[in-house]
Amino acid sequence: MGFIDDAKDTAETAGRKIKDAWEDTADRIGDKIDEKKADAEVKKAEAERDSVHKRNDIKEELRDD
């Protein structure tokens, strides 16, 4: 029975390693998605800021005329 027990332990260990690798991969994918979303939000905020600055510059020019 020692051989069967060793095979069982090896299979369980392999199963745990596969599960852990899958969870790590899923976490990494989730982290990348979060990173891309954050980058997109930053770009949107920067574009909005630039738009407001431009709009304010135009308003200021119109006031000066």
Protein backbone atom coordinates (compact mmCIF):
# COMPACT_ATOMS: atom_id res chain seq x y z
CA MET A 1 0.00 0.00 0.00
CA GLY A 2 2.98 2.31 0.34
CA PHE A 3 3.17 2.81 -3.43
CA ILE A 4 -0.51 3.72 -3.66
CA ASP A 5 -0.20 6.16 -0.77
CA ASP A 6 2.83 7.79 -2.39
CA ALA A 7 0.98 8.09 -5.69
CA LYS A 8 -2.02 9.57 -3.90
CA ASP A 9 0.17 12.13 -2.10
CA THR A 10 1.92 13.01 -5.34
CA ALA A 11 -1.41 13.48 -7.11
CA GLU A 12 -2.74 15.65 -4.29
CA THR A 13 0.42 17.77 -4.31
CA ALA A 14 0.21 18.17 -8.08
CA GLY A 15 -3.44 19.11 -7.78
CA ARG A 16 -2.67 21.77 -5.16
CA LYS A 17 0.13 23.19 -7.29
CA ILE A 18 -2.13 23.37 -10.33
CA LYS A 19 -4.86 25.04 -8.27
CA ASP A 20 -2.37 27.54 -6.83
CA ALA A 21 -0.98 28.31 -10.28
CA TRP A 22 -4.50 28.86 -11.62
CA GLU A 23 -5.36 31.20 -8.74
CA ASP A 24 -2.11 33.14 -9.21
CA THR A 25 -2.82 33.50 -12.93
CA ALA A 26 -6.37 34.66 -12.25
CA ASP A 27 -5.07 37.20 -9.70
CA ARG A 28 -2.48 38.50 -12.17
CA ILE A 29 -5.12 38.90 -14.87
CA GLY A 30 -7.37 40.74 -12.41
CA ASP A 31 -4.51 42.99 -11.40
CA LYS A 32 -3.75 43.83 -15.05
CA ILE A 33 -7.41 44.62 -15.69
CA ASP A 34 -7.49 46.91 -12.66
CA GLU A 35 -4.28 48.59 -13.84
CA LYS A 36 -5.69 49.20 -17.33
CA LYS A 37 -8.92 50.60 -15.88
CA ALA A 38 -6.97 52.96 -13.63
CA ASP A 39 -4.83 54.10 -16.57
CA ALA A 40 -7.96 54.76 -18.61
CA GLU A 41 -9.48 56.79 -15.77
CA VAL A 42 -6.31 58.85 -15.47
CA LYS A 43 -6.25 59.54 -19.21
CA LYS A 44 -9.92 60.54 -19.11
CA ALA A 45 -9.30 62.88 -16.18
CA GLU A 46 -6.27 64.43 -17.91
CA ALA A 47 -8.28 64.97 -21.10
CA GLU A 48 -11.08 66.58 -19.11
CA ARG A 49 -8.56 68.82 -17.33
CA ASP A 50 -7.02 69.87 -20.63
CA SER A 51 -10.46 70.57 -22.03
CA VAL A 52 -11.34 72.79 -19.06
CA HIS A 53 -8.05 74.66 -19.37
CA LYS A 54 -8.62 75.23 -23.07
CA ARG A 55 -12.20 76.37 -22.49
CA ASN A 56 -11.05 78.77 -19.78
CA ASP A 57 -8.31 80.13 -22.04
CA ILE A 58 -10.84 80.79 -24.80
CA LYS A 59 -13.21 82.50 -22.36
CA GLU A 60 -10.38 84.66 -21.08
CA GLU A 61 -9.41 85.66 -24.63
CA LEU A 62 -13.02 86.61 -25.36
CA ARG A 63 -13.18 88.75 -22.22
CA ASP A 64 -10.01 90.58 -23.20
CA ASP A 65 -11.40 91.55 -26.60
